[in-house]
C-alpha atoms as a PDB file:
ATOM      1  CA  MET A   1      39.815  -7.164 120.352  1.00  0.00           C
ATOM      2  CA  ILE A   2      36.434  -8.302 119.166  1.00  0.00           C
ATOM      3  CA  LEU A   3      35.747 -11.137 116.728  1.00  0.00           C
ATOM      4  CA  GLY A   4      32.400 -11.453 115.262  1.00  0.00           C
ATOM      5  CA  ASN A   5      30.558 -14.801 114.782  1.00  0.00           C
ATOM      6  CA  ARG A   6      31.887 -17.161 112.132  1.00  0.00           C
ATOM      7  CA  ALA A   7      29.737 -18.504 109.532  1.00  0.00           C
ATOM      8  CA  ALA A   8      31.802 -21.629 108.907  1.00  0.00           C
ATOM      9  CA  MET A   9      33.174 -24.347 111.113  1.00  0.00           C
ATOM     10  CA  ARG A  10      36.852 -24.568 111.340  1.00  0.00           C
ATOM     11  CA  TYR A  11      38.767 -27.815 112.073  1.00  0.00           C
ATOM     12  CA  PHE A  12      42.268 -27.573 114.117  1.00  0.00           C
ATOM     13  CA  TYR A  13      44.483 -30.456 114.545  1.00  0.00           C
ATOM     14  CA  GLY A  14      45.564 -30.953 118.214  1.00  0.00           C
ATOM     15  CA  ALA A  15      49.297 -32.032 118.613  1.00  0.00           C
ATOM     16  CA  ALA A  16      49.730 -33.859 121.906  1.00  0.00           C
ATOM     17  CA  HIS A  17      53.226 -33.028 123.281  1.00  0.00           C
ATOM     18  CA  GLU A  18      52.424 -35.417 126.279  1.00  0.00           C
ATOM     19  CA  GLN A  19      52.397 -38.503 123.978  1.00  0.00           C
ATOM     20  CA  PHE A  20      54.630 -37.841 121.047  1.00  0.00           C
ATOM     21  CA  PRO A  21      58.300 -36.425 120.771  1.00  0.00           C
ATOM     22  CA  PRO A  22      58.630 -32.977 119.101  1.00  0.00           C
ATOM     23  CA  ASP A  23      60.212 -34.202 115.900  1.00  0.00           C
ATOM     24  CA  ASP A  24      57.454 -36.749 115.326  1.00  0.00           C
ATOM     25  CA  LEU A  25      54.869 -34.087 116.142  1.00  0.00           C
ATOM     26  CA  LEU A  26      56.475 -31.679 113.590  1.00  0.00           C
ATOM     27  CA  ARG A  27      55.858 -34.404 110.887  1.00  0.00           C
ATOM     28  CA  GLN A  28      52.204 -34.756 112.138  1.00  0.00           C
ATOM     29  CA  ALA A  29      51.572 -30.961 111.932  1.00  0.00           C
ATOM     30  CA  ILE A  30      52.940 -30.858 108.350  1.00  0.00           C
ATOM     31  CA  GLU A  31      50.787 -33.763 107.440  1.00  0.00           C
ATOM     32  CA  ALA A  32      47.856 -32.292 109.052  1.00  0.00           C
ATOM     33  CA  ALA A  33      48.177 -28.966 107.265  1.00  0.00           C
ATOM     34  CA  GLU A  34      48.254 -30.969 103.974  1.00  0.00           C
ATOM     35  CA  ALA A  35      45.340 -33.108 105.128  1.00  0.00           C
ATOM     36  CA  GLY A  36      43.097 -29.958 105.332  1.00  0.00           C
ATOM     37  CA  PHE A  37      43.103 -28.942 108.956  1.00  0.00           C
ATOM     38  CA  GLU A  38      42.824 -25.186 109.206  1.00  0.00           C
ATOM     39  CA  GLY A  39      44.924 -24.726 112.315  1.00  0.00           C
ATOM     40  CA  ILE A  40      47.492 -26.483 114.486  1.00  0.00           C
ATOM     41  CA  GLY A  41      47.160 -26.292 118.187  1.00  0.00           C
ATOM     42  CA  CYS A  42      49.412 -27.978 120.769  1.00  0.00           C
ATOM     43  CA  SER A  43      49.387 -28.818 124.413  1.00  0.00           C
ATOM     44  CA  ASP A  44      51.752 -26.782 126.686  1.00  0.00           C
ATOM     45  CA  HIS A  45      53.121 -28.743 129.456  1.00  0.00           C
ATOM     46  CA  LEU A  46      55.993 -29.217 131.695  1.00  0.00           C
ATOM     47  CA  GLN A  47      55.140 -32.745 132.462  1.00  0.00           C
ATOM     48  CA  PRO A  48      52.682 -35.315 130.837  1.00  0.00           C
ATOM     49  CA  TRP A  49      49.704 -36.768 132.572  1.00  0.00           C
ATOM     50  CA  TRP A  50      51.398 -40.222 132.938  1.00  0.00           C
ATOM     51  CA  ALA A  51      54.958 -41.569 132.981  1.00  0.00           C
ATOM     52  CA  PRO A  52      56.885 -42.321 130.866  1.00  0.00           C
ATOM     53  CA  GLY A  53      55.741 -39.842 128.431  1.00  0.00           C
ATOM     54  CA  GLU A  54      56.888 -36.782 126.456  1.00  0.00           C
ATOM     55  CA  SER A  55      56.869 -33.021 127.201  1.00  0.00           C
ATOM     56  CA  ALA A  56      58.818 -30.806 124.694  1.00  0.00           C
ATOM     57  CA  HIS A  57      58.619 -27.018 124.858  1.00  0.00           C
ATOM     58  CA  ALA A  58      55.499 -25.965 123.106  1.00  0.00           C
ATOM     59  CA  TRP A  59      56.717 -22.408 122.136  1.00  0.00           C
ATOM     60  CA  VAL A  60      60.025 -23.648 120.620  1.00  0.00           C
ATOM     61  CA  TRP A  61      57.955 -26.192 118.590  1.00  0.00           C
ATOM     62  CA  LEU A  62      55.513 -23.723 117.262  1.00  0.00           C
ATOM     63  CA  GLY A  63      58.321 -21.759 115.661  1.00  0.00           C
ATOM     64  CA  ALA A  64      59.299 -24.684 113.758  1.00  0.00           C
ATOM     65  CA  VAL A  65      55.583 -25.469 112.754  1.00  0.00           C
ATOM     66  CA  GLY A  66      55.140 -21.973 111.496  1.00  0.00           C
ATOM     67  CA  GLN A  67      58.205 -22.197 109.318  1.00  0.00           C
ATOM     68  CA  ALA A  68      57.285 -25.723 108.117  1.00  0.00           C
ATOM     69  CA  THR A  69      53.553 -24.879 107.147  1.00  0.00           C
ATOM     70  CA  ASP A  70      51.721 -22.144 105.338  1.00  0.00           C
ATOM     71  CA  GLN A  71      48.461 -20.364 106.056  1.00  0.00           C
ATOM     72  CA  VAL A  72      47.196 -22.601 108.817  1.00  0.00           C
ATOM     73  CA  ALA A  73      46.601 -21.006 112.259  1.00  0.00           C
ATOM     74  CA  ILE A  74      49.176 -21.938 114.947  1.00  0.00           C
ATOM     75  CA  GLY A  75      48.880 -21.717 118.823  1.00  0.00           C
ATOM     76  CA  THR A  76      48.705 -23.467 122.190  1.00  0.00           C
ATOM     77  CA  ALA A  77      45.876 -25.451 123.754  1.00  0.00           C
ATOM     78  CA  VAL A  78      46.459 -23.887 126.314  1.00  0.00           C
ATOM     79  CA  THR A  79      49.281 -21.698 127.992  1.00  0.00           C
ATOM     80  CA  PRO A  80      48.999 -20.589 131.542  1.00  0.00           C
ATOM     81  CA  ALA A  81      50.328 -17.599 133.369  1.00  0.00           C
ATOM     82  CA  GLY A  82      51.954 -18.504 136.640  1.00  0.00           C
ATOM     83  CA  PRO A  83      55.254 -19.467 138.203  1.00  0.00           C
ATOM     84  CA  ARG A  84      56.144 -21.235 134.795  1.00  0.00           C
ATOM     85  CA  TYR A  85      55.406 -18.299 132.553  1.00  0.00           C
ATOM     86  CA  HIS A  86      55.357 -14.642 133.465  1.00  0.00           C
ATOM     87  CA  PRO A  87      52.603 -12.691 131.361  1.00  0.00           C
ATOM     88  CA  VAL A  88      55.282 -10.263 129.975  1.00  0.00           C
ATOM     89  CA  LEU A  89      57.103 -13.111 128.446  1.00  0.00           C
ATOM     90  CA  ILE A  90      53.823 -14.643 127.101  1.00  0.00           C
ATOM     91  CA  ALA A  91      53.134 -11.352 125.463  1.00  0.00           C
ATOM     92  CA  GLN A  92      56.576 -11.114 124.013  1.00  0.00           C
ATOM     93  CA  ALA A  93      56.426 -14.667 122.675  1.00  0.00           C
ATOM     94  CA  TRP A  94      53.215 -14.259 120.815  1.00  0.00           C
ATOM     95  CA  ALA A  95      54.227 -10.695 119.371  1.00  0.00           C
ATOM     96  CA  THR A  96      57.266 -12.448 118.076  1.00  0.00           C
ATOM     97  CA  LEU A  97      55.218 -15.298 116.458  1.00  0.00           C
ATOM     98  CA  GLU A  98      52.929 -12.632 114.897  1.00  0.00           C
ATOM     99  CA  ARG A  99      55.845 -10.952 113.302  1.00  0.00           C
ATOM    100  CA  LEU A 100      57.283 -14.149 112.004  1.00  0.00           C
ATOM    101  CA  PHE A 101      54.034 -15.638 110.729  1.00  0.00           C
ATOM    102  CA  PRO A 102      51.509 -12.681 110.268  1.00  0.00           C
ATOM    103  CA  GLY A 103      47.884 -13.398 110.641  1.00  0.00           C
ATOM    104  CA  ARG A 104      48.415 -17.060 111.916  1.00  0.00           C
ATOM    105  CA  PRO A 105      49.125 -17.131 115.620  1.00  0.00           C
ATOM    106  CA  PHE A 106      46.534 -17.572 118.418  1.00  0.00           C
ATOM    107  CA  LEU A 107      47.069 -17.818 122.097  1.00  0.00           C
ATOM    108  CA  GLY A 108      45.030 -20.409 123.925  1.00  0.00           C
ATOM    109  CA  PHE A 109      45.183 -19.196 127.551  1.00  0.00           C
ATOM    110  CA  GLY A 110      44.270 -21.004 130.809  1.00  0.00           C
ATOM    111  CA  SER A 111      44.637 -21.068 134.476  1.00  0.00           C
ATOM    112  CA  GLY A 112      47.198 -23.902 134.513  1.00  0.00           C
ATOM    113  CA  GLU A 113      47.415 -27.219 136.403  1.00  0.00           C
ATOM    114  CA  SER A 114      49.480 -28.246 139.479  1.00  0.00           C
ATOM    115  CA  LEU A 115      51.068 -30.926 137.112  1.00  0.00           C
ATOM    116  CA  ASN A 116      52.901 -28.188 135.314  1.00  0.00           C
ATOM    117  CA  GLU A 117      53.382 -25.483 138.073  1.00  0.00           C
ATOM    118  CA  SER A 118      54.100 -27.348 141.404  1.00  0.00           C
ATOM    119  CA  PRO A 119      57.382 -28.712 140.119  1.00  0.00           C
ATOM    120  CA  LEU A 120      58.842 -25.182 140.103  1.00  0.00           C
ATOM    121  CA  GLY A 121      58.341 -25.016 144.003  1.00  0.00           C
ATOM    122  CA  ALA A 122      55.299 -22.735 144.091  1.00  0.00           C
ATOM    123  CA  GLU A 123      52.164 -23.785 146.221  1.00  0.00           C
ATOM    124  CA  TRP A 124      49.088 -24.588 144.272  1.00  0.00           C
ATOM    125  CA  PRO A 125      46.232 -22.104 144.938  1.00  0.00           C
ATOM    126  CA  PRO A 126      42.497 -22.904 145.232  1.00  0.00           C
ATOM    127  CA  VAL A 127      40.351 -22.498 142.128  1.00  0.00           C
ATOM    128  CA  SER A 128      39.200 -18.991 142.808  1.00  0.00           C
ATOM    129  CA  GLU A 129      42.828 -17.694 142.932  1.00  0.00           C
ATOM    130  CA  GLN A 130      43.773 -19.663 139.753  1.00  0.00           C
ATOM    131  CA  VAL A 131      41.060 -17.717 137.894  1.00  0.00           C
ATOM    132  CA  ASP A 132      41.927 -14.328 139.539  1.00  0.00           C
ATOM    133  CA  ARG A 133      45.791 -14.998 138.609  1.00  0.00           C
ATOM    134  CA  MET A 134      44.511 -15.779 134.823  1.00  0.00           C
ATOM    135  CA  GLU A 135      42.641 -12.644 134.712  1.00  0.00           C
ATOM    136  CA  GLU A 136      45.397 -10.461 135.996  1.00  0.00           C
ATOM    137  CA  ALA A 137      47.783 -11.877 133.453  1.00  0.00           C
ATOM    138  CA  LEU A 138      45.349 -11.213 130.629  1.00  0.00           C
ATOM    139  CA  GLU A 139      45.184  -7.577 131.840  1.00  0.00           C
ATOM    140  CA  ILE A 140      48.895  -7.370 131.446  1.00  0.00           C
ATOM    141  CA  ILE A 141      49.304  -9.155 128.108  1.00  0.00           C
ATOM    142  CA  ASN A 142      46.634  -6.999 126.498  1.00  0.00           C
ATOM    143  CA  SER A 143      48.063  -3.656 127.957  1.00  0.00           C
ATOM    144  CA  LEU A 144      51.360  -4.789 126.534  1.00  0.00           C
ATOM    145  CA  TRP A 145      49.954  -5.520 123.051  1.00  0.00           C
ATOM    146  CA  ASP A 146      48.203  -2.252 123.108  1.00  0.00           C
ATOM    147  CA  GLY A 147      51.525  -0.579 123.223  1.00  0.00           C
ATOM    148  CA  GLU A 148      51.449   0.438 126.765  1.00  0.00           C
ATOM    149  CA  ARG A 149      54.565   0.514 129.405  1.00  0.00           C
ATOM    150  CA  VAL A 150      53.264  -1.425 132.224  1.00  0.00           C
ATOM    151  CA  SER A 151      54.190  -0.870 135.802  1.00  0.00           C
ATOM    152  CA  ARG A 152      52.021  -2.613 138.477  1.00  0.00           C
ATOM    153  CA  ASP A 153      52.460  -4.332 141.870  1.00  0.00           C
ATOM    154  CA  GLY A 154      49.745  -6.838 141.383  1.00  0.00           C
ATOM    155  CA  ARG A 155      48.356  -9.671 143.602  1.00  0.00           C
ATOM    156  CA  PHE A 156      50.138 -12.343 141.502  1.00  0.00           C
ATOM    157  CA  PHE A 157      52.537 -10.292 139.069  1.00  0.00           C
ATOM    158  CA  SER A 158      54.724  -7.402 139.352  1.00  0.00           C
ATOM    159  CA  THR A 159      55.978  -5.404 136.442  1.00  0.00           C
ATOM    160  CA  TYR A 160      58.225  -2.315 136.350  1.00  0.00           C
ATOM    161  CA  ARG A 161      57.966  -0.204 133.110  1.00  0.00           C
ATOM    162  CA  ALA A 162      57.523  -3.461 131.059  1.00  0.00           C
ATOM    163  CA  TYR A 163      57.312  -2.809 127.399  1.00  0.00           C
ATOM    164  CA  LEU A 164      57.350  -4.674 124.118  1.00  0.00           C
ATOM    165  CA  HIS A 165      60.055  -3.149 121.934  1.00  0.00           C
ATOM    166  CA  THR A 166      58.976  -5.692 119.158  1.00  0.00           C
ATOM    167  CA  ASN A 167      55.366  -5.603 118.843  1.00  0.00           C
ATOM    168  CA  ALA A 168      52.864  -6.502 115.965  1.00  0.00           C
ATOM    169  CA  ASP A 169      50.122  -4.685 114.157  1.00  0.00           C
ATOM    170  CA  ARG A 170      47.702  -7.544 114.538  1.00  0.00           C
ATOM    171  CA  LEU A 171      46.852  -8.803 118.105  1.00  0.00           C
ATOM    172  CA  PRO A 172      46.812 -12.528 118.092  1.00  0.00           C
ATOM    173  CA  PRO A 173      43.354 -13.645 119.314  1.00  0.00           C
ATOM    174  CA  ILE A 174      43.151 -15.179 122.766  1.00  0.00           C
ATOM    175  CA  TYR A 175      40.841 -18.023 123.325  1.00  0.00           C
ATOM    176  CA  VAL A 176      40.362 -18.286 127.150  1.00  0.00           C
ATOM    177  CA  SER A 177      40.092 -21.833 128.624  1.00  0.00           C
ATOM    178  CA  ALA A 178      37.038 -22.040 130.885  1.00  0.00           C
ATOM    179  CA  PHE A 179      35.169 -24.880 132.732  1.00  0.00           C
ATOM    180  CA  GLY A 180      32.744 -22.788 134.756  1.00  0.00           C
ATOM    181  CA  PRO A 181      31.037 -19.467 134.823  1.00  0.00           C
ATOM    182  CA  ARG A 182      33.655 -17.301 136.509  1.00  0.00           C
ATOM    183  CA  ALA A 183      36.432 -18.222 133.962  1.00  0.00           C
ATOM    184  CA  ALA A 184      33.868 -17.888 131.251  1.00  0.00           C
ATOM    185  CA  SER A 185      33.218 -14.249 132.305  1.00  0.00           C
ATOM    186  CA  VAL A 186      36.949 -13.638 132.156  1.00  0.00           C
ATOM    187  CA  ALA A 187      36.993 -14.928 128.643  1.00  0.00           C
ATOM    188  CA  ALA A 188      34.275 -12.578 127.748  1.00  0.00           C
ATOM    189  CA  ARG A 189      36.044  -9.446 129.329  1.00  0.00           C
ATOM    190  CA  HIS A 190      39.606 -10.163 128.319  1.00  0.00           C
ATOM    191  CA  GLY A 191      39.642 -12.570 125.407  1.00  0.00           C
ATOM    192  CA  ASP A 192      38.559 -13.178 121.840  1.00  0.00           C
ATOM    193  CA  GLY A 193      36.782 -16.357 122.370  1.00  0.00           C
ATOM    194  CA  LEU A 194      36.223 -19.307 124.712  1.00  0.00           C
ATOM    195  CA  TRP A 195      38.040 -22.785 124.733  1.00  0.00           C
ATOM    196  CA  THR A 196      36.381 -25.683 126.543  1.00  0.00           C
ATOM    197  CA  LEU A 197      35.868 -29.413 126.280  1.00  0.00           C
ATOM    198  CA  ALA A 198      33.210 -30.824 123.954  1.00  0.00           C
ATOM    199  CA  ASP A 199      31.391 -32.424 126.931  1.00  0.00           C
ATOM    200  CA  PRO A 200      27.724 -32.475 126.443  1.00  0.00           C
ATOM    201  CA  GLU A 201      26.975 -32.213 130.094  1.00  0.00           C
ATOM    202  CA  THR A 202      29.247 -29.254 130.812  1.00  0.00           C
ATOM    203  CA  ALA A 203      29.843 -27.291 127.448  1.00  0.00           C
ATOM    204  CA  PRO A 204      26.364 -25.802 127.181  1.00  0.00           C
ATOM    205  CA  ASP A 205      26.470 -24.107 130.628  1.00  0.00           C
ATOM    206  CA  VAL A 206      29.916 -22.686 129.850  1.00  0.00           C
ATOM    207  CA  ILE A 207      29.032 -21.399 126.539  1.00  0.00           C
ATOM    208  CA  ASP A 208      25.754 -19.898 127.910  1.00  0.00           C
ATOM    209  CA  ALA A 209      27.781 -18.192 130.691  1.00  0.00           C
ATOM    210  CA  TYR A 210      30.387 -16.965 128.189  1.00  0.00           C
ATOM    211  CA  ARG A 211      27.580 -15.421 125.815  1.00  0.00           C
ATOM    212  CA  SER A 212      25.711 -13.849 128.822  1.00  0.00           C
ATOM    213  CA  ALA A 213      28.983 -12.295 129.824  1.00  0.00           C
ATOM    214  CA  CYS A 214      29.789 -10.925 126.492  1.00  0.00           C
ATOM    215  CA  GLU A 215      26.295  -9.288 126.452  1.00  0.00           C
ATOM    216  CA  ASP A 216      26.979  -7.833 129.791  1.00  0.00           C
ATOM    217  CA  ALA A 217      30.368  -6.452 128.458  1.00  0.00           C
ATOM    218  CA  GLY A 218      28.792  -5.096 125.367  1.00  0.00           C
ATOM    219  CA  LYS A 219      30.652  -7.464 123.020  1.00  0.00           C
ATOM    220  CA  GLU A 220      29.788  -9.964 120.366  1.00  0.00           C
ATOM    221  CA  PRO A 221      30.635 -13.317 121.250  1.00  0.00           C
ATOM    222  CA  GLY A 222      33.956 -14.520 119.619  1.00  0.00           C
ATOM    223  CA  GLU A 223      35.243 -17.970 118.694  1.00  0.00           C
ATOM    224  CA  ILE A 224      33.671 -20.991 120.585  1.00  0.00           C
ATOM    225  CA  VAL A 225      36.570 -23.529 120.504  1.00  0.00           C
ATOM    226  CA  LEU A 226      35.642 -26.913 121.675  1.00  0.00           C
ATOM    227  CA  GLN A 227      38.148 -29.756 122.171  1.00  0.00           C
ATOM    228  CA  VAL A 228      37.760 -33.298 121.195  1.00  0.00           C
ATOM    229  CA  GLN A 229      40.234 -36.153 121.495  1.00  0.00           C
ATOM    230  CA  PHE A 230      40.330 -39.050 119.004  1.00  0.00           C
ATOM    231  CA  SER A 231      42.115 -42.265 118.528  1.00  0.00           C
ATOM    232  CA  TRP A 232      41.882 -44.315 115.321  1.00  0.00           C
ATOM    233  CA  ALA A 233      43.687 -47.696 114.407  1.00  0.00           C
ATOM    234  CA  GLU A 234      42.973 -50.573 112.045  1.00  0.00           C
ATOM    235  CA  ASP A 235      40.688 -52.054 114.522  1.00  0.00           C
ATOM    236  CA  ASP A 236      38.877 -50.810 117.642  1.00  0.00           C
ATOM    237  CA  ASP A 237      41.091 -52.593 120.290  1.00  0.00           C
ATOM    238  CA  ALA A 238      44.103 -51.165 118.847  1.00  0.00           C
ATOM    239  CA  ALA A 239      42.573 -47.701 118.946  1.00  0.00           C
ATOM    240  CA  LEU A 240      41.629 -48.174 122.653  1.00  0.00           C
ATOM    241  CA  GLU A 241      45.033 -49.387 123.565  1.00  0.00           C
ATOM    242  CA  GLY A 242      46.822 -46.516 121.585  1.00  0.00           C
ATOM    243  CA  ALA A 243      44.936 -44.102 123.623  1.00  0.00           C
ATOM    244  CA  ARG A 244      44.844 -45.683 127.021  1.00  0.00           C
ATOM    245  CA  VAL A 245      47.701 -43.478 128.630  1.00  0.00           C
ATOM    246  CA  TRP A 246      45.068 -40.568 128.478  1.00  0.00           C
ATOM    247  CA  LYS A 247      43.104 -42.259 131.307  1.00  0.00           C
ATOM    248  CA  GLY A 248      45.767 -40.224 133.250  1.00  0.00           C
ATOM    249  CA  ALA A 249      44.131 -37.047 132.254  1.00  0.00           C
ATOM    250  CA  GLN A 250      40.507 -37.932 132.865  1.00  0.00           C
ATOM    251  CA  PRO A 251      39.701 -37.310 136.541  1.00  0.00           C
ATOM    252  CA  ASP A 252      38.382 -33.835 137.014  1.00  0.00           C
ATOM    253  CA  GLU A 253      40.338 -33.077 140.131  1.00  0.00           C
ATOM    254  CA  PHE A 254      43.603 -33.144 138.047  1.00  0.00           C
ATOM    255  CA  TYR A 255      42.602 -29.812 136.550  1.00  0.00           C
ATOM    256  CA  THR A 256      41.966 -27.951 139.823  1.00  0.00           C
ATOM    257  CA  ASP A 257      43.578 -29.807 142.783  1.00  0.00           C
ATOM    258  CA  ASP A 258      47.218 -30.332 143.658  1.00  0.00           C
ATOM    259  CA  TRP A 259      47.970 -33.379 141.602  1.00  0.00           C
ATOM    260  CA  HIS A 260      51.534 -33.274 140.026  1.00  0.00           C
ATOM    261  CA  ASP A 261      53.040 -36.937 140.119  1.00  0.00           C
ATOM    262  CA  PRO A 262      52.331 -38.345 136.618  1.00  0.00           C
ATOM    263  CA  THR A 263      52.701 -41.865 137.803  1.00  0.00           C
ATOM    264  CA  ALA A 264      50.104 -41.522 140.440  1.00  0.00           C
ATOM    265  CA  MET A 265      47.825 -39.662 138.036  1.00  0.00           C
ATOM    266  CA  TYR A 266      47.820 -42.424 135.558  1.00  0.00           C
ATOM    267  CA  GLU A 267      47.103 -44.910 138.297  1.00  0.00           C
ATOM    268  CA  ARG A 268      44.204 -42.841 139.556  1.00  0.00           C
ATOM    269  CA  GLY A 269      42.840 -42.561 136.188  1.00  0.00           C
ATOM    270  CA  GLU A 270      42.959 -46.255 135.383  1.00  0.00           C
ATOM    271  CA  GLU A 271      41.289 -46.921 138.710  1.00  0.00           C
ATOM    272  CA  GLN A 272      38.484 -44.437 138.383  1.00  0.00           C
ATOM    273  CA  VAL A 273      37.795 -44.596 134.635  1.00  0.00           C
ATOM    274  CA  SER A 274      36.318 -47.724 132.944  1.00  0.00           C
ATOM    275  CA  ASP A 275      36.977 -48.489 129.345  1.00  0.00           C
ATOM    276  CA  ASP A 276      33.478 -47.733 128.587  1.00  0.00           C
ATOM    277  CA  GLU A 277      33.492 -44.450 130.206  1.00  0.00           C
ATOM    278  CA  PHE A 278      36.991 -43.687 128.500  1.00  0.00           C
ATOM    279  CA  LYS A 279      35.292 -44.355 125.122  1.00  0.00           C
ATOM    280  CA  GLU A 280      32.730 -41.896 125.844  1.00  0.00           C
ATOM    281  CA  ALA A 281      35.082 -39.280 126.621  1.00  0.00           C
ATOM    282  CA  LEU A 282      37.237 -39.706 123.409  1.00  0.00           C
ATOM    283  CA  ILE A 283      36.320 -40.834 120.161  1.00  0.00           C
ATOM    284  CA  ILE A 284      37.968 -44.165 119.952  1.00  0.00           C
ATOM    285  CA  SER A 285      37.083 -46.197 116.763  1.00  0.00           C
ATOM    286  CA  SER A 286      38.301 -47.591 113.360  1.00  0.00           C
ATOM    287  CA  ASP A 287      34.919 -46.611 111.879  1.00  0.00           C
ATOM    288  CA  PRO A 288      34.786 -43.289 110.193  1.00  0.00           C
ATOM    289  CA  GLU A 289      30.996 -43.069 110.794  1.00  0.00           C
ATOM    290  CA  VAL A 290      31.718 -43.132 114.490  1.00  0.00           C
ATOM    291  CA  HIS A 291      34.261 -40.290 114.111  1.00  0.00           C
ATOM    292  CA  LEU A 292      31.743 -38.320 111.894  1.00  0.00           C
ATOM    293  CA  ASP A 293      28.807 -38.788 114.283  1.00  0.00           C
ATOM    294  CA  ARG A 294      30.682 -37.743 117.405  1.00  0.00           C
ATOM    295  CA  ILE A 295      32.284 -34.646 115.658  1.00  0.00           C
ATOM    296  CA  ARG A 296      28.846 -33.616 114.469  1.00  0.00           C
ATOM    297  CA  GLU A 297      27.499 -33.896 118.055  1.00  0.00           C
ATOM    298  CA  ALA A 298      30.292 -31.675 119.201  1.00  0.00           C
ATOM    299  CA  GLU A 299      29.491 -29.127 116.513  1.00  0.00           C
ATOM    300  CA  ASN A 300      25.860 -28.944 117.557  1.00  0.00           C
ATOM    301  CA  LEU A 301      26.954 -27.907 120.980  1.00  0.00           C
ATOM    302  CA  GLY A 302      27.618 -24.387 119.584  1.00  0.00           C
ATOM    303  CA  ALA A 303      31.259 -24.594 118.293  1.00  0.00           C
ATOM    304  CA  THR A 304      32.628 -22.200 115.706  1.00  0.00           C
ATOM    305  CA  THR A 305      35.992 -24.208 115.826  1.00  0.00           C
ATOM    306  CA  LEU A 306      36.714 -27.849 116.663  1.00  0.00           C
ATOM    307  CA  ALA A 307      40.229 -28.653 117.991  1.00  0.00           C
ATOM    308  CA  LEU A 308      40.654 -32.238 117.237  1.00  0.00           C
ATOM    309  CA  MET A 309      43.494 -33.612 119.239  1.00  0.00           C
ATOM    310  CA  ASN A 310      45.099 -36.890 117.809  1.00  0.00           C
ATOM    311  CA  CYS A 311      45.751 -39.322 120.504  1.00  0.00           C
ATOM    312  CA  SER A 312      46.185 -42.311 118.216  1.00  0.00           C
ATOM    313  CA  GLY A 313      49.293 -44.096 119.866  1.00  0.00           C
ATOM    314  CA  ALA A 314      48.786 -47.012 117.610  1.00  0.00           C
ATOM    315  CA  ASP A 315      49.283 -45.095 114.321  1.00  0.00           C
ATOM    316  CA  PRO A 316      49.162 -41.265 114.632  1.00  0.00           C
ATOM    317  CA  HIS A 317      50.225 -40.732 111.001  1.00  0.00           C
ATOM    318  CA  GLY A 318      47.830 -43.340 109.659  1.00  0.00           C
ATOM    319  CA  ALA A 319      45.000 -41.407 111.709  1.00  0.00           C
ATOM    320  CA  ILE A 320      45.889 -38.297 109.949  1.00  0.00           C
ATOM    321  CA  GLU A 321      45.623 -40.042 106.515  1.00  0.00           C
ATOM    322  CA  PHE A 322      42.337 -41.484 107.779  1.00  0.00           C
ATOM    323  CA  TYR A 323      41.068 -38.033 108.585  1.00  0.00           C
ATOM    324  CA  SER A 324      42.248 -36.635 105.240  1.00  0.00           C
ATOM    325  CA  GLN A 325      40.329 -39.276 103.204  1.00  0.00           C
ATOM    326  CA  GLN A 326      37.413 -40.191 105.147  1.00  0.00           C
ATOM    327  CA  VAL A 327      36.547 -37.592 107.953  1.00  0.00           C
ATOM    328  CA  LEU A 328      37.445 -34.221 106.964  1.00  0.00           C
ATOM    329  CA  PRO A 329      35.887 -34.252 103.237  1.00  0.00           C
ATOM    330  CA  ALA A 330      32.687 -35.461 104.722  1.00  0.00           C
ATOM    331  CA  LEU A 331      32.607 -32.757 107.235  1.00  0.00           C
ATOM    332  CA  LYS A 332      33.412 -30.055 104.831  1.00  0.00           C
ATOM    333  CA  SER A 333      31.028 -31.151 102.224  1.00  0.00           C
ATOM    334  CA  VAL A 334      28.364 -30.623 104.687  1.00  0.00           C
ATOM    335  CA  ARG A 335      29.801 -27.160 105.560  1.00  0.00           C
ATOM    336  CA  ALA A 336      29.984 -26.175 102.016  1.00  0.00           C
END
C-alpha cells in the first residue's frame, strides 16, 4: 500500500461533529463538495471538547455523505482503535465504505484521546502504550484487508480466525495521525501517509521523521495531510466568538493525558489560551487575504493535502460560500 508523491495540492473540508449536529453537517458536506473541496473529512468522537456540544457517530454519517455527494474523497480525521473500536470492526467498516463508494474512502487513523475512550470504563494508558496500541491495530487492519484470516493474542487486541467476508479490491489509504517521531515511524511502516497539525513549530520535525522512516522502510513517502481550522464571519469579532468553544481543544495535554470531562476541558482551555494565542492557532478572520496567507503558510510546511476544518459557529454555511467564492479559486489558480 504505497502512494507516490502528489504533484498537486488537494483541499479537504473538515466537518466538526463536536460543534454541529449531523443533519446540518450533511448540508455542509454537500455544499463543500459543490464549492470545490476535493474531500470531506470528519472528526470521530464520543464526546465534544466542551459542553454542551454535539457528537454524532462519524461512520453512520459518512454513509450518508457518500450517498449525497459524488467523486469527493470521504473519511475520518481521525478514528482510533481501542476500547471504543476494535480494529476488526474498523477494517470491516472501511471495506464496506469502499464497496459502496469505490475509490473514495480514506481512513484517518490515530491513537485516540481519553475524552472518547475513558467513558467506556477503560484506564487511559501512557503515550508509549497509546502508540503501541495504534501500531498493533494497524497490523490487524492491513492483514484483514490483504485477505488474511487473523488469529492473534496480542498485547492490546485478540482475534480468533477473524476474516472479512465482504472485502474490497482497492485498499482505502490510511493516513496516520502523528505528533512525534514514534508515531511518525508507525505511519511510515503501516500507513499510506501522515496526518498532523499545520503547526509551524511541530509539523516540520514530524514530517522529517516520517520521511526518514519511509526511507528506512524502503518506501516512498505518501500523503502529507496537514489540518487547519478556520472561522469566518461578517466581522472579525463574530468570527472569534463563533469559534471560541474550540479553546477546549487547545491544551496539548488533552491529547495525551487523562482528560475526559468536557466542561473541565473548556474551562482549562479558556484559562490557558488567550484570544491572541487562539487566533494564532486557528485562522479567524473576515478577510479572505488572511485565510489565503495562512493557508499558503501551511502549504509551505510540506503538505500534499490540507484538511480545512470549518469552525465557523457564527455562520458555517456562509463560510463555505466565502471559501467557494474568495478562497478556493485563488488557491487553485496558483496550483494550476
